[in-house]
């Protein structure tokens, strides 16, 4: 069972609800250690006093803020807590806004905002139901691990509240200042715009997040397994060339036609779904995964046809 990363209370108006914060995101990326090339020697990082060269325990480290000319003001963790008593224990809802008004660029990380004490479940459920009915979200602030967060409290799936940490407006960078150049006053042609909208329509479908996987991590795991088995690693295909302006309309036309054919093929697959997918219907990444699960050797050297043949034989 997961442990809460923060405990406190959610306050809106004169109502205070005990809550607990849990991470809703799990990182599945491949973790690597560092080694010196040509050896099996691990590389490790230590907290070292730069004057004495001795390692320093975590509890003996304080924060320092540079004021200029190499001078620092040292601050204890306790002093940071004392300047805002209670802020690290309370999520203060300051206003309610329409969820659709919040720019997606503002969102940072999502947490489960679970109930705290059982006797306060009625107030917790009341807030969740009110947010669901109104379509609103609560804009709040709270302090966690020595940092103040702007947050959004909203009704989530499974009868629970969600808390999204947000970026402050001052944290968002201005593309006009940071990008070397912007598109400029380029006007789209009517026929190209119609074709682009048609392509979007042809590629539109219901949002099914479970169908999207981290294929790069799968490739990394495949690379590790291939090297462990002594197999040759086949590099991936290079990205395509940018579309030339003179070929833009033709590329859009072909894309629309291809998407329509793919949509027809998808509908046919749906009719056969109960019988299970055909190998020819699966992407190569799924074929690689199946071959790995069945222990087929030399799969890193196989193209799609070879993988299908090996899987049928197995």
C-alpha atoms as a PDB file:
ATOM      1  CA  UNK A   1       0.000   0.000   0.000  1.00  0.00           C
ATOM      2  CA  UNK A   2       1.310   3.425  -0.949  1.00  0.00           C
ATOM      3  CA  UNK A   3       2.328   5.853   1.768  1.00  0.00           C
ATOM      4  CA  UNK A   4       1.116   9.475   1.694  1.00  0.00           C
ATOM      5  CA  UNK A   5       3.738  12.038   0.733  1.00  0.00           C
ATOM      6  CA  UNK A   6       1.887  14.830   2.541  1.00  0.00           C
ATOM      7  CA  UNK A   7      -0.733  15.007   5.295  1.00  0.00           C
ATOM      8  CA  UNK A   8      -2.811  18.003   6.268  1.00  0.00           C
ATOM      9  CA  UNK A   9      -6.190  19.606   5.684  1.00  0.00           C
ATOM     10  CA  UNK A  10      -8.076  21.071   2.742  1.00  0.00           C
ATOM     11  CA  UNK A  11      -9.798  24.351   3.575  1.00  0.00           C
ATOM     12  CA  UNK A  12     -12.553  26.019   1.523  1.00  0.00           C
ATOM     13  CA  UNK A  13     -14.665  28.739   3.084  1.00  0.00           C
ATOM     14  CA  UNK A  14     -15.201  27.771   6.730  1.00  0.00           C
ATOM     15  CA  UNK A  15     -15.009  24.048   5.933  1.00  0.00           C
ATOM     16  CA  UNK A  16     -11.836  22.112   6.763  1.00  0.00           C
ATOM     17  CA  UNK A  17     -11.350  18.522   5.572  1.00  0.00           C
ATOM     18  CA  UNK A  18      -8.417  16.286   6.594  1.00  0.00           C
ATOM     19  CA  UNK A  19      -6.715  14.930   3.461  1.00  0.00           C
ATOM     20  CA  UNK A  20      -3.668  12.947   2.367  1.00  0.00           C
ATOM     21  CA  UNK A  21      -1.652  13.382  -0.803  1.00  0.00           C
ATOM     22  CA  UNK A  22      -0.510  10.356  -2.800  1.00  0.00           C
ATOM     23  CA  UNK A  23       1.442  10.236  -6.032  1.00  0.00           C
ATOM     24  CA  UNK A  24      -0.836   9.315  -8.947  1.00  0.00           C
ATOM     25  CA  UNK A  25       2.030   8.941 -11.429  1.00  0.00           C
ATOM     26  CA  UNK A  26       4.431   6.000 -11.656  1.00  0.00           C
ATOM     27  CA  UNK A  27       7.632   6.246 -13.655  1.00  0.00           C
ATOM     28  CA  UNK A  28       8.312   3.157 -15.816  1.00  0.00           C
ATOM     29  CA  UNK A  29      11.396   4.485 -17.582  1.00  0.00           C
ATOM     30  CA  UNK A  30      14.543   2.337 -17.636  1.00  0.00           C
ATOM     31  CA  UNK A  31      17.020   3.245 -14.883  1.00  0.00           C
ATOM     32  CA  UNK A  32      20.744   3.120 -15.640  1.00  0.00           C
ATOM     33  CA  UNK A  33      23.737   3.166 -13.304  1.00  0.00           C
ATOM     34  CA  UNK A  34      26.960   4.930 -14.237  1.00  0.00           C
ATOM     35  CA  UNK A  35      30.241   3.063 -14.855  1.00  0.00           C
ATOM     36  CA  UNK A  36      33.707   4.036 -15.980  1.00  0.00           C
ATOM     37  CA  UNK A  37      34.105   2.959 -19.615  1.00  0.00           C
ATOM     38  CA  UNK A  38      36.185  -0.190 -20.016  1.00  0.00           C
ATOM     39  CA  UNK A  39      35.676  -1.243 -16.383  1.00  0.00           C
ATOM     40  CA  UNK A  40      32.963  -2.568 -14.092  1.00  0.00           C
ATOM     41  CA  UNK A  41      33.602   0.249 -11.623  1.00  0.00           C
ATOM     42  CA  UNK A  42      30.508   2.134 -10.435  1.00  0.00           C
ATOM     43  CA  UNK A  43      30.473   5.922 -10.416  1.00  0.00           C
ATOM     44  CA  UNK A  44      28.885   7.365  -7.279  1.00  0.00           C
ATOM     45  CA  UNK A  45      28.107  10.874  -6.087  1.00  0.00           C
ATOM     46  CA  UNK A  46      28.706  11.990  -2.526  1.00  0.00           C
ATOM     47  CA  UNK A  47      28.028  15.178  -0.562  1.00  0.00           C
ATOM     48  CA  UNK A  48      31.556  16.409   0.048  1.00  0.00           C
ATOM     49  CA  UNK A  49      32.913  19.458   1.869  1.00  0.00           C
ATOM     50  CA  UNK A  50      34.830  21.229  -0.902  1.00  0.00           C
ATOM     51  CA  UNK A  51      37.417  22.578   1.585  1.00  0.00           C
ATOM     52  CA  UNK A  52      38.168  19.394   3.580  1.00  0.00           C
ATOM     53  CA  UNK A  53      37.213  16.783   0.970  1.00  0.00           C
ATOM     54  CA  UNK A  54      35.265  14.882   3.657  1.00  0.00           C
ATOM     55  CA  UNK A  55      31.759  13.493   3.139  1.00  0.00           C
ATOM     56  CA  UNK A  56      28.990  15.341   5.043  1.00  0.00           C
ATOM     57  CA  UNK A  57      25.878  13.695   6.525  1.00  0.00           C
ATOM     58  CA  UNK A  58      22.529  14.904   5.163  1.00  0.00           C
ATOM     59  CA  UNK A  59      21.338  16.141   8.571  1.00  0.00           C
ATOM     60  CA  UNK A  60      24.418  18.403   8.820  1.00  0.00           C
ATOM     61  CA  UNK A  61      23.630  20.254   5.583  1.00  0.00           C
ATOM     62  CA  UNK A  62      21.844  23.618   5.586  1.00  0.00           C
ATOM     63  CA  UNK A  63      20.639  25.773   2.704  1.00  0.00           C
ATOM     64  CA  UNK A  64      22.519  28.833   1.530  1.00  0.00           C
ATOM     65  CA  UNK A  65      21.361  31.771  -0.608  1.00  0.00           C
ATOM     66  CA  UNK A  66      23.971  33.729  -2.543  1.00  0.00           C
ATOM     67  CA  UNK A  67      23.668  37.491  -2.005  1.00  0.00           C
ATOM     68  CA  UNK A  68      26.525  38.477  -4.310  1.00  0.00           C
ATOM     69  CA  UNK A  69      30.317  38.730  -4.185  1.00  0.00           C
ATOM     70  CA  UNK A  70      30.537  35.127  -3.011  1.00  0.00           C
ATOM     71  CA  UNK A  71      28.606  35.852   0.198  1.00  0.00           C
ATOM     72  CA  UNK A  72      25.876  33.463   1.372  1.00  0.00           C
ATOM     73  CA  UNK A  73      23.055  33.664   3.923  1.00  0.00           C
ATOM     74  CA  UNK A  74      22.588  30.273   5.608  1.00  0.00           C
ATOM     75  CA  UNK A  75      19.020  29.189   6.397  1.00  0.00           C
ATOM     76  CA  UNK A  76      17.862  26.252   8.535  1.00  0.00           C
ATOM     77  CA  UNK A  77      14.893  24.117   7.432  1.00  0.00           C
ATOM     78  CA  UNK A  78      13.121  24.942  10.691  1.00  0.00           C
ATOM     79  CA  UNK A  79      13.401  28.663   9.927  1.00  0.00           C
ATOM     80  CA  UNK A  80      11.663  28.136   6.584  1.00  0.00           C
ATOM     81  CA  UNK A  81       8.777  26.381   8.342  1.00  0.00           C
ATOM     82  CA  UNK A  82       8.489  29.120  10.983  1.00  0.00           C
ATOM     83  CA  UNK A  83       8.053  32.016   8.523  1.00  0.00           C
ATOM     84  CA  UNK A  84       4.714  30.563   7.335  1.00  0.00           C
ATOM     85  CA  UNK A  85       3.257  28.521  10.233  1.00  0.00           C
ATOM     86  CA  UNK A  86       0.472  26.229   9.101  1.00  0.00           C
ATOM     87  CA  UNK A  87       1.063  26.746   5.382  1.00  0.00           C
ATOM     88  CA  UNK A  88       2.823  23.379   5.184  1.00  0.00           C
ATOM     89  CA  UNK A  89      -0.222  21.721   6.784  1.00  0.00           C
ATOM     90  CA  UNK A  90      -3.116  23.313   4.874  1.00  0.00           C
ATOM     91  CA  UNK A  91      -4.304  23.367   1.263  1.00  0.00           C
ATOM     92  CA  UNK A  92      -6.131  26.704   1.090  1.00  0.00           C
ATOM     93  CA  UNK A  93      -8.714  26.947  -1.718  1.00  0.00           C
ATOM     94  CA  UNK A  94      -8.812  30.622  -2.708  1.00  0.00           C
ATOM     95  CA  UNK A  95     -11.319  30.498  -5.589  1.00  0.00           C
ATOM     96  CA  UNK A  96     -13.239  28.177  -7.905  1.00  0.00           C
ATOM     97  CA  UNK A  97     -12.897  28.360 -11.695  1.00  0.00           C
ATOM     98  CA  UNK A  98     -14.217  26.547 -14.754  1.00  0.00           C
ATOM     99  CA  UNK A  99     -11.857  23.647 -15.413  1.00  0.00           C
ATOM    100  CA  UNK A 100     -11.876  24.364 -19.149  1.00  0.00           C
ATOM    101  CA  UNK A 101     -10.455  27.844 -18.553  1.00  0.00           C
ATOM    102  CA  UNK A 102      -7.142  26.524 -17.227  1.00  0.00           C
ATOM    103  CA  UNK A 103      -4.509  26.481 -19.969  1.00  0.00           C
ATOM    104  CA  UNK A 104      -3.042  22.923 -20.241  1.00  0.00           C
ATOM    105  CA  UNK A 105       0.443  24.459 -20.256  1.00  0.00           C
ATOM    106  CA  UNK A 106      -0.132  25.379 -16.592  1.00  0.00           C
ATOM    107  CA  UNK A 107      -0.392  21.741 -15.422  1.00  0.00           C
ATOM    108  CA  UNK A 108       2.635  20.145 -13.792  1.00  0.00           C
ATOM    109  CA  UNK A 109       1.955  16.915 -11.823  1.00  0.00           C
ATOM    110  CA  UNK A 110      -1.133  15.005 -10.663  1.00  0.00           C
ATOM    111  CA  UNK A 111      -1.746  13.541  -7.205  1.00  0.00           C
ATOM    112  CA  UNK A 112      -4.535  11.572  -5.552  1.00  0.00           C
ATOM    113  CA  UNK A 113      -6.063  13.722  -2.812  1.00  0.00           C
ATOM    114  CA  UNK A 114      -7.387  11.017  -0.497  1.00  0.00           C
ATOM    115  CA  UNK A 115      -9.564  11.410   2.596  1.00  0.00           C
ATOM    116  CA  UNK A 116      -7.927  11.752   5.988  1.00  0.00           C
ATOM    117  CA  UNK A 117      -9.933  10.941   9.125  1.00  0.00           C
ATOM    118  CA  UNK A 118     -12.977   8.727   8.606  1.00  0.00           C
ATOM    119  CA  UNK A 119     -15.274  11.021  10.589  1.00  0.00           C
ATOM    120  CA  UNK A 120     -14.665  13.735   7.962  1.00  0.00           C
ATOM    121  CA  UNK A 121     -15.657  11.596   4.962  1.00  0.00           C
ATOM    122  CA  UNK A 122     -19.022  13.374   4.670  1.00  0.00           C
ATOM    123  CA  UNK A 123     -17.357  16.753   4.080  1.00  0.00           C
ATOM    124  CA  UNK A 124     -14.884  15.137   1.639  1.00  0.00           C
ATOM    125  CA  UNK A 125     -17.694  13.533  -0.403  1.00  0.00           C
ATOM    126  CA  UNK A 126     -19.699  16.769  -0.315  1.00  0.00           C
ATOM    127  CA  UNK A 127     -16.844  18.713  -1.922  1.00  0.00           C
ATOM    128  CA  UNK A 128     -16.258  15.990  -4.514  1.00  0.00           C
ATOM    129  CA  UNK A 129     -19.949  15.875  -5.496  1.00  0.00           C
ATOM    130  CA  UNK A 130     -20.220  19.677  -5.606  1.00  0.00           C
ATOM    131  CA  UNK A 131     -17.202  19.915  -7.926  1.00  0.00           C
ATOM    132  CA  UNK A 132     -18.637  17.181 -10.146  1.00  0.00           C
ATOM    133  CA  UNK A 133     -22.013  18.907 -10.470  1.00  0.00           C
ATOM    134  CA  UNK A 134     -20.609  22.401 -11.004  1.00  0.00           C
ATOM    135  CA  UNK A 135     -17.805  21.449 -13.372  1.00  0.00           C
ATOM    136  CA  UNK A 136     -15.549  23.716 -11.343  1.00  0.00           C
ATOM    137  CA  UNK A 137     -12.120  23.230  -9.813  1.00  0.00           C
ATOM    138  CA  UNK A 138     -10.633  24.830  -6.725  1.00  0.00           C
ATOM    139  CA  UNK A 139      -7.547  27.028  -7.106  1.00  0.00           C
ATOM    140  CA  UNK A 140      -5.393  26.511  -4.023  1.00  0.00           C
ATOM    141  CA  UNK A 141      -1.981  27.082  -2.506  1.00  0.00           C
ATOM    142  CA  UNK A 142       0.003  24.908  -0.108  1.00  0.00           C
ATOM    143  CA  UNK A 143       3.575  24.303   0.993  1.00  0.00           C
ATOM    144  CA  UNK A 144       5.328  20.942   0.579  1.00  0.00           C
ATOM    145  CA  UNK A 145       9.011  20.171   1.127  1.00  0.00           C
ATOM    146  CA  UNK A 146       9.956  23.805   1.576  1.00  0.00           C
ATOM    147  CA  UNK A 147       8.237  25.040  -1.582  1.00  0.00           C
ATOM    148  CA  UNK A 148       4.907  26.754  -2.173  1.00  0.00           C
ATOM    149  CA  UNK A 149       2.707  25.245  -4.857  1.00  0.00           C
ATOM    150  CA  UNK A 150      -0.163  26.608  -6.869  1.00  0.00           C
ATOM    151  CA  UNK A 151      -2.660  23.770  -7.268  1.00  0.00           C
ATOM    152  CA  UNK A 152      -5.989  22.780  -8.755  1.00  0.00           C
ATOM    153  CA  UNK A 153      -8.379  20.565  -6.778  1.00  0.00           C
ATOM    154  CA  UNK A 154     -10.911  18.726  -8.952  1.00  0.00           C
ATOM    155  CA  UNK A 155     -13.202  15.714  -8.967  1.00  0.00           C
ATOM    156  CA  UNK A 156     -11.432  12.651 -10.299  1.00  0.00           C
ATOM    157  CA  UNK A 157     -12.385   9.096 -11.313  1.00  0.00           C
ATOM    158  CA  UNK A 158     -13.228   6.452  -8.750  1.00  0.00           C
ATOM    159  CA  UNK A 159     -15.035   8.745  -6.274  1.00  0.00           C
ATOM    160  CA  UNK A 160     -11.853  10.570  -5.311  1.00  0.00           C
ATOM    161  CA  UNK A 161     -10.439  14.077  -5.525  1.00  0.00           C
ATOM    162  CA  UNK A 162      -7.397  14.950  -7.627  1.00  0.00           C
ATOM    163  CA  UNK A 163      -4.839  17.661  -6.978  1.00  0.00           C
ATOM    164  CA  UNK A 164      -2.821  19.011  -9.895  1.00  0.00           C
ATOM    165  CA  UNK A 165       0.186  21.170  -9.122  1.00  0.00           C
ATOM    166  CA  UNK A 166       0.354  24.114 -11.511  1.00  0.00           C
ATOM    167  CA  UNK A 167       3.072  26.393 -12.800  1.00  0.00           C
ATOM    168  CA  UNK A 168       2.815  30.013 -11.694  1.00  0.00           C
ATOM    169  CA  UNK A 169       2.162  32.432 -14.562  1.00  0.00           C
ATOM    170  CA  UNK A 170       5.600  33.972 -13.976  1.00  0.00           C
ATOM    171  CA  UNK A 171       7.197  30.564 -14.630  1.00  0.00           C
ATOM    172  CA  UNK A 172       5.852  30.333 -18.191  1.00  0.00           C
ATOM    173  CA  UNK A 173       8.332  31.531 -20.779  1.00  0.00           C
ATOM    174  CA  UNK A 174       7.449  33.875 -23.641  1.00  0.00           C
ATOM    175  CA  UNK A 175       8.069  32.252 -27.048  1.00  0.00           C
ATOM    176  CA  UNK A 176       8.575  35.688 -28.605  1.00  0.00           C
ATOM    177  CA  UNK A 177      11.595  36.187 -26.326  1.00  0.00           C
ATOM    178  CA  UNK A 178      13.046  32.662 -26.379  1.00  0.00           C
ATOM    179  CA  UNK A 179      12.543  31.343 -29.910  1.00  0.00           C
ATOM    180  CA  UNK A 180      15.053  32.412 -32.575  1.00  0.00           C
ATOM    181  CA  UNK A 181      12.145  33.188 -34.854  1.00  0.00           C
ATOM    182  CA  UNK A 182       8.346  32.882 -35.125  1.00  0.00           C
ATOM    183  CA  UNK A 183       6.302  31.787 -38.177  1.00  0.00           C
ATOM    184  CA  UNK A 184       5.590  35.364 -39.163  1.00  0.00           C
ATOM    185  CA  UNK A 185       2.639  36.643 -41.171  1.00  0.00           C
ATOM    186  CA  UNK A 186       2.234  33.517 -43.325  1.00  0.00           C
ATOM    187  CA  UNK A 187      -1.318  33.025 -44.617  1.00  0.00           C
ATOM    188  CA  UNK A 188      -2.713  29.552 -45.276  1.00  0.00           C
ATOM    189  CA  UNK A 189      -4.322  28.739 -48.597  1.00  0.00           C
ATOM    190  CA  UNK A 190      -8.008  27.869 -48.478  1.00  0.00           C
ATOM    191  CA  UNK A 191      -7.639  24.516 -50.267  1.00  0.00           C
ATOM    192  CA  UNK A 192      -4.739  23.458 -48.038  1.00  0.00           C
ATOM    193  CA  UNK A 193      -6.642  24.492 -44.906  1.00  0.00           C
ATOM    194  CA  UNK A 194      -9.719  22.517 -45.999  1.00  0.00           C
ATOM    195  CA  UNK A 195      -7.543  19.484 -46.686  1.00  0.00           C
ATOM    196  CA  UNK A 196      -5.778  19.808 -43.320  1.00  0.00           C
ATOM    197  CA  UNK A 197      -9.138  19.994 -41.518  1.00  0.00           C
ATOM    198  CA  UNK A 198     -10.243  16.950 -43.511  1.00  0.00           C
ATOM    199  CA  UNK A 199      -7.131  15.092 -42.374  1.00  0.00           C
ATOM    200  CA  UNK A 200      -7.902  15.958 -38.744  1.00  0.00           C
ATOM    201  CA  UNK A 201     -11.478  14.691 -39.220  1.00  0.00           C
ATOM    202  CA  UNK A 202     -10.240  11.482 -40.841  1.00  0.00           C
ATOM    203  CA  UNK A 203      -7.790  10.850 -37.992  1.00  0.00           C
ATOM    204  CA  UNK A 204     -10.245  11.745 -35.205  1.00  0.00           C
ATOM    205  CA  UNK A 205     -11.300   9.005 -32.802  1.00  0.00           C
ATOM    206  CA  UNK A 206     -12.398   8.529 -29.191  1.00  0.00           C
ATOM    207  CA  UNK A 207      -9.764   9.171 -26.533  1.00  0.00           C
ATOM    208  CA  UNK A 208      -8.490   5.784 -25.336  1.00  0.00           C
ATOM    209  CA  UNK A 209      -5.343   6.451 -23.262  1.00  0.00           C
ATOM    210  CA  UNK A 210      -4.737   2.747 -22.595  1.00  0.00           C
ATOM    211  CA  UNK A 211      -3.873   2.266 -26.266  1.00  0.00           C
ATOM    212  CA  UNK A 212      -0.810   4.526 -26.064  1.00  0.00           C
ATOM    213  CA  UNK A 213       2.365   2.987 -24.690  1.00  0.00           C
ATOM    214  CA  UNK A 214       5.917   4.147 -24.066  1.00  0.00           C
ATOM    215  CA  UNK A 215       7.437   2.418 -27.107  1.00  0.00           C
ATOM    216  CA  UNK A 216      10.832   4.073 -26.597  1.00  0.00           C
ATOM    217  CA  UNK A 217      11.204   2.405 -23.178  1.00  0.00           C
ATOM    218  CA  UNK A 218      10.235  -0.899 -24.828  1.00  0.00           C
ATOM    219  CA  UNK A 219      13.003  -0.374 -27.374  1.00  0.00           C
ATOM    220  CA  UNK A 220      15.491   0.411 -24.597  1.00  0.00           C
ATOM    221  CA  UNK A 221      14.567  -2.808 -22.788  1.00  0.00           C
ATOM    222  CA  UNK A 222      14.893  -4.681 -26.075  1.00  0.00           C
ATOM    223  CA  UNK A 223      18.355  -3.161 -26.558  1.00  0.00           C
ATOM    224  CA  UNK A 224      19.442  -4.311 -23.084  1.00  0.00           C
ATOM    225  CA  UNK A 225      18.104  -7.824 -23.630  1.00  0.00           C
ATOM    226  CA  UNK A 226      19.703  -8.075 -27.081  1.00  0.00           C
ATOM    227  CA  UNK A 227      23.104  -7.017 -25.717  1.00  0.00           C
ATOM    228  CA  UNK A 228      22.746  -9.472 -22.824  1.00  0.00           C
ATOM    229  CA  UNK A 229      22.027 -12.281 -25.285  1.00  0.00           C
ATOM    230  CA  UNK A 230      24.870 -11.231 -27.588  1.00  0.00           C
ATOM    231  CA  UNK A 231      22.506 -10.400 -30.441  1.00  0.00           C
ATOM    232  CA  UNK A 232      23.207  -7.714 -33.037  1.00  0.00           C
ATOM    233  CA  UNK A 233      21.310  -4.497 -32.393  1.00  0.00           C
ATOM    234  CA  UNK A 234      19.539  -3.104 -35.456  1.00  0.00           C
ATOM    235  CA  UNK A 235      19.227   0.729 -35.365  1.00  0.00           C
ATOM    236  CA  UNK A 236      15.825   2.314 -35.863  1.00  0.00           C
ATOM    237  CA  UNK A 237      14.766   4.119 -39.021  1.00  0.00           C
ATOM    238  CA  UNK A 238      15.807   7.736 -39.455  1.00  0.00           C
ATOM    239  CA  UNK A 239      13.033  10.389 -39.395  1.00  0.00           C
ATOM    240  CA  UNK A 240      11.575  11.502 -42.703  1.00  0.00           C
ATOM    241  CA  UNK A 241      12.524  14.687 -44.524  1.00  0.00           C
ATOM    242  CA  UNK A 242      10.427  17.839 -43.953  1.00  0.00           C
ATOM    243  CA  UNK A 243       7.575  18.283 -46.406  1.00  0.00           C
ATOM    244  CA  UNK A 244       8.382  20.780 -49.145  1.00  0.00           C
ATOM    245  CA  UNK A 245       5.925  23.636 -49.580  1.00  0.00           C
ATOM    246  CA  UNK A 246       5.233  22.701 -53.211  1.00  0.00           C
ATOM    247  CA  UNK A 247       4.320  19.144 -52.108  1.00  0.00           C
ATOM    248  CA  UNK A 248       2.181  20.194 -49.134  1.00  0.00           C
ATOM    249  CA  UNK A 249      -1.231  19.766 -50.768  1.00  0.00           C
ATOM    250  CA  UNK A 250      -0.262  16.407 -52.278  1.00  0.00           C
ATOM    251  CA  UNK A 251       1.066  15.177 -48.919  1.00  0.00           C
ATOM    252  CA  UNK A 252      -2.188  16.210 -47.230  1.00  0.00           C
ATOM    253  CA  UNK A 253      -4.266  14.468 -49.893  1.00  0.00           C
ATOM    254  CA  UNK A 254      -2.328  11.220 -49.504  1.00  0.00           C
ATOM    255  CA  UNK A 255      -2.553  11.473 -45.714  1.00  0.00           C
ATOM    256  CA  UNK A 256      -6.338  11.833 -45.811  1.00  0.00           C
ATOM    257  CA  UNK A 257      -6.684   8.830 -48.132  1.00  0.00           C
ATOM    258  CA  UNK A 258      -4.345   6.743 -45.974  1.00  0.00           C
ATOM    259  CA  UNK A 259      -6.259   7.636 -42.801  1.00  0.00           C
ATOM    260  CA  UNK A 260      -9.565   6.702 -44.382  1.00  0.00           C
ATOM    261  CA  UNK A 261      -8.174   3.313 -45.444  1.00  0.00           C
ATOM    262  CA  UNK A 262      -6.784   2.803 -41.944  1.00  0.00           C
ATOM    263  CA  UNK A 263     -10.187   3.649 -40.464  1.00  0.00           C
ATOM    264  CA  UNK A 264     -11.860   1.041 -42.660  1.00  0.00           C
ATOM    265  CA  UNK A 265      -9.252  -1.517 -41.655  1.00  0.00           C
ATOM    266  CA  UNK A 266      -9.772  -0.678 -37.979  1.00  0.00           C
ATOM    267  CA  UNK A 267     -13.520  -1.253 -38.268  1.00  0.00           C
ATOM    268  CA  UNK A 268     -12.861  -4.647 -39.851  1.00  0.00           C
ATOM    269  CA  UNK A 269     -10.502  -5.517 -37.022  1.00  0.00           C
ATOM    270  CA  UNK A 270     -13.187  -4.605 -34.508  1.00  0.00           C
ATOM    271  CA  UNK A 271     -15.462  -7.253 -35.943  1.00  0.00           C
ATOM    272  CA  UNK A 272     -12.729  -9.863 -35.425  1.00  0.00           C
ATOM    273  CA  UNK A 273     -11.735  -8.595 -31.957  1.00  0.00           C
ATOM    274  CA  UNK A 274     -13.507 -11.394 -30.089  1.00  0.00           C
ATOM    275  CA  UNK A 275     -11.417 -13.964 -31.926  1.00  0.00           C
ATOM    276  CA  UNK A 276      -8.194 -12.147 -30.934  1.00  0.00           C
ATOM    277  CA  UNK A 277      -5.944  -9.988 -33.133  1.00  0.00           C
ATOM    278  CA  UNK A 278      -4.145 -11.406 -36.142  1.00  0.00           C
ATOM    279  CA  UNK A 279      -0.344 -11.180 -36.172  1.00  0.00           C
ATOM    280  CA  UNK A 280      -0.585  -9.147 -39.360  1.00  0.00           C
ATOM    281  CA  UNK A 281      -2.730  -6.583 -37.497  1.00  0.00           C
ATOM    282  CA  UNK A 282      -0.170  -5.965 -34.755  1.00  0.00           C
ATOM    283  CA  UNK A 283       2.506  -3.240 -34.934  1.00  0.00           C
ATOM    284  CA  UNK A 284       6.110  -4.403 -35.056  1.00  0.00           C
ATOM    285  CA  UNK A 285       6.668  -3.327 -31.431  1.00  0.00           C
ATOM    286  CA  UNK A 286       3.970  -5.810 -30.324  1.00  0.00           C
ATOM    287  CA  UNK A 287       5.523  -8.533 -32.474  1.00  0.00           C
ATOM    288  CA  UNK A 288       8.880  -7.823 -30.816  1.00  0.00           C
ATOM    289  CA  UNK A 289       7.281  -8.076 -27.383  1.00  0.00           C
ATOM    290  CA  UNK A 290       5.557 -11.392 -28.179  1.00  0.00           C
ATOM    291  CA  UNK A 291       8.813 -12.809 -29.581  1.00  0.00           C
ATOM    292  CA  UNK A 292      10.603 -11.747 -26.414  1.00  0.00           C
ATOM    293  CA  UNK A 293       7.927 -13.353 -24.208  1.00  0.00           C
ATOM    294  CA  UNK A 294       8.206 -16.623 -26.160  1.00  0.00           C
ATOM    295  CA  UNK A 295      11.994 -16.639 -25.964  1.00  0.00           C
ATOM    296  CA  UNK A 296      12.594 -16.439 -29.714  1.00  0.00           C
ATOM    297  CA  UNK A 297      16.313 -15.910 -30.333  1.00  0.00           C
ATOM    298  CA  UNK A 298      17.795 -13.552 -32.895  1.00  0.00           C
ATOM    299  CA  UNK A 299      14.666 -11.392 -32.991  1.00  0.00           C
ATOM    300  CA  UNK A 300      16.695  -8.161 -33.103  1.00  0.00           C
ATOM    301  CA  UNK A 301      17.860  -9.153 -36.600  1.00  0.00           C
ATOM    302  CA  UNK A 302      14.364  -9.987 -37.865  1.00  0.00           C
ATOM    303  CA  UNK A 303      12.179  -7.781 -39.982  1.00  0.00           C
ATOM    304  CA  UNK A 304       8.391  -7.820 -39.630  1.00  0.00           C
ATOM    305  CA  UNK A 305       7.868 -10.811 -41.956  1.00  0.00           C
ATOM    306  CA  UNK A 306      10.528 -12.841 -40.120  1.00  0.00           C
ATOM    307  CA  UNK A 307       8.902 -12.068 -36.768  1.00  0.00           C
ATOM    308  CA  UNK A 308       5.448 -13.152 -37.979  1.00  0.00           C
ATOM    309  CA  UNK A 309       6.927 -16.397 -39.373  1.00  0.00           C
ATOM    310  CA  UNK A 310       8.828 -17.148 -36.147  1.00  0.00           C
ATOM    311  CA  UNK A 311       5.783 -16.421 -33.986  1.00  0.00           C
ATOM    312  CA  UNK A 312       3.537 -18.689 -36.070  1.00  0.00           C
ATOM    313  CA  UNK A 313       6.145 -21.459 -35.821  1.00  0.00           C
ATOM    314  CA  UNK A 314       6.326 -21.063 -32.039  1.00  0.00           C
END
